[in-house]
Amino acid sequence: MSFQAYLDTIHKKTGLTPADLRGLAEEQGWTEGGVLTPSTKSGTIVAWFKEHHDLGHGHSMAVFALLKGAKKEGDA
């Protein structure tokens, strides 16, 4: 599955776009100025998305990768 496919599925399931995910991360205090804070761990994001949006581990990790900057929209 491509990274973009993960983002597409996340959007279908939650209604959240990558921009929405970045905004949510700021609201949750996971990022500051669009940069992941050093104290934010992947487990925090995974647990939150599992609880609040019923996402699985892989899709939640895709959100983390997006926020970390390791992946971006359109990546294979």
N, C-alpha and C. Protein backbone atom coordinates (compact mmCIF):
# COMPACT_ATOMS: atom_id res chain seq x y z
N MET A 1 0.84 -1.17 0.00
CA MET A 1 0.00 0.00 0.00
C MET A 1 0.89 1.24 0.00
N SER A 2 0.60 2.19 -0.86
CA SER A 2 1.39 3.42 -0.91
C SER A 2 1.01 4.32 0.26
N PHE A 3 1.90 5.25 0.56
CA PHE A 3 1.62 6.19 1.64
C PHE A 3 0.37 7.00 1.33
N GLN A 4 0.22 7.41 0.07
CA GLN A 4 -0.96 8.17 -0.31
C GLN A 4 -2.23 7.35 -0.08
N ALA A 5 -2.16 6.05 -0.32
CA ALA A 5 -3.32 5.19 -0.07
C ALA A 5 -3.69 5.19 1.42
N TYR A 6 -2.69 5.20 2.29
CA TYR A 6 -2.96 5.32 3.72
C TYR A 6 -3.70 6.63 4.01
N LEU A 7 -3.20 7.73 3.45
CA LEU A 7 -3.84 9.03 3.68
C LEU A 7 -5.27 9.05 3.13
N ASP A 8 -5.47 8.45 1.98
CA ASP A 8 -6.82 8.38 1.40
C ASP A 8 -7.77 7.60 2.30
N THR A 9 -7.30 6.50 2.84
CA THR A 9 -8.14 5.69 3.74
C THR A 9 -8.44 6.44 5.03
N ILE A 10 -7.44 7.12 5.56
CA ILE A 10 -7.64 7.93 6.77
C ILE A 10 -8.70 8.99 6.50
N HIS A 11 -8.63 9.63 5.36
CA HIS A 11 -9.62 10.65 5.00
C HIS A 11 -11.01 10.05 4.90
N LYS A 12 -11.13 8.91 4.25
CA LYS A 12 -12.44 8.26 4.11
C LYS A 12 -13.02 7.87 5.47
N LYS A 13 -12.16 7.40 6.36
CA LYS A 13 -12.63 6.92 7.66
C LYS A 13 -12.91 8.05 8.65
N THR A 14 -12.09 9.10 8.61
CA THR A 14 -12.18 10.15 9.62
C THR A 14 -12.68 11.49 9.09
N GLY A 15 -12.58 11.68 7.77
CA GLY A 15 -12.90 12.97 7.18
C GLY A 15 -11.77 13.98 7.30
N LEU A 16 -10.62 13.54 7.84
CA LEU A 16 -9.49 14.45 8.05
C LEU A 16 -8.51 14.39 6.89
N THR A 17 -8.17 15.56 6.37
CA THR A 17 -7.17 15.69 5.33
C THR A 17 -5.79 15.82 5.99
N PRO A 18 -4.71 15.72 5.22
CA PRO A 18 -3.39 15.95 5.82
C PRO A 18 -3.30 17.32 6.51
N ALA A 19 -3.88 18.35 5.92
CA ALA A 19 -3.87 19.67 6.57
C ALA A 19 -4.62 19.63 7.89
N ASP A 20 -5.76 18.91 7.91
CA ASP A 20 -6.52 18.76 9.15
C ASP A 20 -5.70 18.02 10.20
N LEU A 21 -4.98 16.99 9.78
CA LEU A 21 -4.15 16.22 10.71
C LEU A 21 -3.06 17.08 11.31
N ARG A 22 -2.48 17.94 10.49
CA ARG A 22 -1.44 18.86 11.00
C ARG A 22 -2.04 19.85 12.00
N GLY A 23 -3.22 20.36 11.69
CA GLY A 23 -3.90 21.28 12.60
C GLY A 23 -4.26 20.60 13.91
N LEU A 24 -4.74 19.38 13.83
CA LEU A 24 -5.08 18.61 15.01
C LEU A 24 -3.84 18.37 15.87
N ALA A 25 -2.73 18.09 15.22
CA ALA A 25 -1.47 17.88 15.95
C ALA A 25 -1.07 19.12 16.73
N GLU A 26 -1.26 20.28 16.13
CA GLU A 26 -0.96 21.53 16.84
C GLU A 26 -1.89 21.69 18.04
N GLU A 27 -3.19 21.42 17.84
CA GLU A 27 -4.17 21.52 18.93
C GLU A 27 -3.84 20.58 20.08
N GLN A 28 -3.37 19.38 19.75
CA GLN A 28 -3.04 18.38 20.77
C GLN A 28 -1.69 18.65 21.43
N GLY A 29 -0.92 19.58 20.87
CA GLY A 29 0.40 19.89 21.42
C GLY A 29 1.49 18.94 20.96
N TRP A 30 1.19 18.16 19.92
CA TRP A 30 2.19 17.22 19.39
C TRP A 30 3.22 17.93 18.52
N THR A 31 2.81 19.07 17.93
CA THR A 31 3.72 19.86 17.09
C THR A 31 3.68 21.30 17.55
N GLU A 32 4.75 22.01 17.23
CA GLU A 32 4.84 23.45 17.46
C GLU A 32 5.37 24.06 16.18
N GLY A 33 4.58 24.94 15.58
CA GLY A 33 4.98 25.54 14.31
C GLY A 33 5.13 24.51 13.21
N GLY A 34 4.36 23.43 13.29
CA GLY A 34 4.40 22.40 12.27
C GLY A 34 5.51 21.38 12.44
N VAL A 35 6.27 21.49 13.53
CA VAL A 35 7.38 20.58 13.79
C VAL A 35 7.03 19.71 14.99
N LEU A 36 7.20 18.40 14.83
CA LEU A 36 6.92 17.45 15.90
C LEU A 36 7.80 17.78 17.11
N THR A 37 7.18 17.86 18.28
CA THR A 37 7.96 18.15 19.48
C THR A 37 8.79 16.93 19.88
N PRO A 38 9.94 17.15 20.48
CA PRO A 38 10.80 16.03 20.87
C PRO A 38 10.11 15.08 21.87
N SER A 39 9.20 15.60 22.66
CA SER A 39 8.53 14.77 23.67
C SER A 39 7.39 13.93 23.10
N THR A 40 6.98 14.20 21.86
CA THR A 40 5.88 13.45 21.26
C THR A 40 6.41 12.15 20.67
N LYS A 41 5.90 11.07 21.19
CA LYS A 41 6.32 9.74 20.74
C LYS A 41 5.23 9.14 19.85
N SER A 42 5.62 8.24 19.01
CA SER A 42 4.67 7.61 18.10
C SER A 42 3.53 6.93 18.86
N GLY A 43 3.84 6.32 19.99
CA GLY A 43 2.82 5.63 20.78
C GLY A 43 1.70 6.53 21.24
N THR A 44 2.02 7.78 21.52
CA THR A 44 1.01 8.75 21.93
C THR A 44 0.01 8.98 20.80
N ILE A 45 0.53 9.18 19.60
CA ILE A 45 -0.32 9.44 18.44
C ILE A 45 -1.11 8.19 18.07
N VAL A 46 -0.45 7.04 18.09
CA VAL A 46 -1.13 5.78 17.75
C VAL A 46 -2.29 5.54 18.72
N ALA A 47 -2.04 5.67 20.01
CA ALA A 47 -3.09 5.42 21.00
C ALA A 47 -4.25 6.40 20.83
N TRP A 48 -3.94 7.66 20.57
CA TRP A 48 -5.00 8.66 20.43
C TRP A 48 -5.87 8.37 19.22
N PHE A 49 -5.26 8.05 18.08
CA PHE A 49 -6.05 7.78 16.88
C PHE A 49 -6.81 6.47 16.98
N LYS A 50 -6.28 5.50 17.70
CA LYS A 50 -7.03 4.26 17.93
C LYS A 50 -8.27 4.55 18.77
N GLU A 51 -8.10 5.34 19.80
CA GLU A 51 -9.21 5.65 20.71
C GLU A 51 -10.25 6.58 20.09
N HIS A 52 -9.80 7.64 19.46
CA HIS A 52 -10.72 8.68 18.99
C HIS A 52 -11.24 8.49 17.57
N HIS A 53 -10.52 7.75 16.75
CA HIS A 53 -10.94 7.60 15.35
C HIS A 53 -10.94 6.14 14.88
N ASP A 54 -10.70 5.21 15.79
CA ASP A 54 -10.74 3.79 15.48
C ASP A 54 -9.80 3.41 14.34
N LEU A 55 -8.65 4.09 14.26
CA LEU A 55 -7.65 3.74 13.25
C LEU A 55 -6.77 2.62 13.79
N GLY A 56 -6.30 1.78 12.91
CA GLY A 56 -5.37 0.73 13.28
C GLY A 56 -3.96 1.27 13.45
N HIS A 57 -3.07 0.38 13.83
CA HIS A 57 -1.69 0.76 14.09
C HIS A 57 -1.01 1.35 12.84
N GLY A 58 -1.16 0.69 11.70
CA GLY A 58 -0.49 1.15 10.48
C GLY A 58 -0.95 2.51 10.03
N HIS A 59 -2.25 2.75 10.08
CA HIS A 59 -2.77 4.05 9.66
C HIS A 59 -2.38 5.14 10.66
N SER A 60 -2.37 4.80 11.94
CA SER A 60 -1.93 5.76 12.94
C SER A 60 -0.45 6.10 12.78
N MET A 61 0.35 5.09 12.43
CA MET A 61 1.78 5.34 12.17
C MET A 61 1.97 6.20 10.93
N ALA A 62 1.07 6.09 9.98
CA ALA A 62 1.14 6.95 8.79
C ALA A 62 0.94 8.41 9.20
N VAL A 63 0.03 8.65 10.14
CA VAL A 63 -0.15 10.01 10.65
C VAL A 63 1.14 10.49 11.29
N PHE A 64 1.76 9.64 12.10
CA PHE A 64 3.02 10.00 12.74
C PHE A 64 4.09 10.32 11.69
N ALA A 65 4.19 9.50 10.66
CA ALA A 65 5.18 9.73 9.60
C ALA A 65 4.93 11.07 8.90
N LEU A 66 3.66 11.39 8.70
CA LEU A 66 3.31 12.67 8.09
C LEU A 66 3.75 13.83 8.98
N LEU A 67 3.44 13.73 10.27
CA LEU A 67 3.78 14.80 11.21
C LEU A 67 5.28 14.92 11.41
N LYS A 68 5.96 13.80 11.36
CA LYS A 68 7.42 13.80 11.53
C LYS A 68 8.13 14.36 10.30
N GLY A 69 7.45 14.32 9.16
CA GLY A 69 8.05 14.81 7.93
C GLY A 69 8.77 13.71 7.17
N ALA A 70 8.64 12.48 7.65
CA ALA A 70 9.29 11.35 6.98
C ALA A 70 8.60 11.01 5.66
N LYS A 71 7.31 11.32 5.57
CA LYS A 71 6.52 11.09 4.38
C LYS A 71 5.66 12.32 4.13
N LYS A 72 5.22 12.46 2.86
CA LYS A 72 4.34 13.57 2.52
C LYS A 72 3.28 13.10 1.53
N GLU A 73 2.27 13.94 1.35
CA GLU A 73 1.22 13.61 0.41
C GLU A 73 1.82 13.25 -0.94
N GLY A 74 1.25 12.22 -1.56
CA GLY A 74 1.69 11.81 -2.87
C GLY A 74 2.82 10.79 -2.87
N ASP A 75 3.41 10.53 -1.71
CA ASP A 75 4.51 9.54 -1.65
C ASP A 75 3.97 8.15 -1.95
N ALA A 76 4.81 7.39 -2.60
CA ALA A 76 4.44 6.00 -2.92
C ALA A 76 4.63 5.11 -1.72
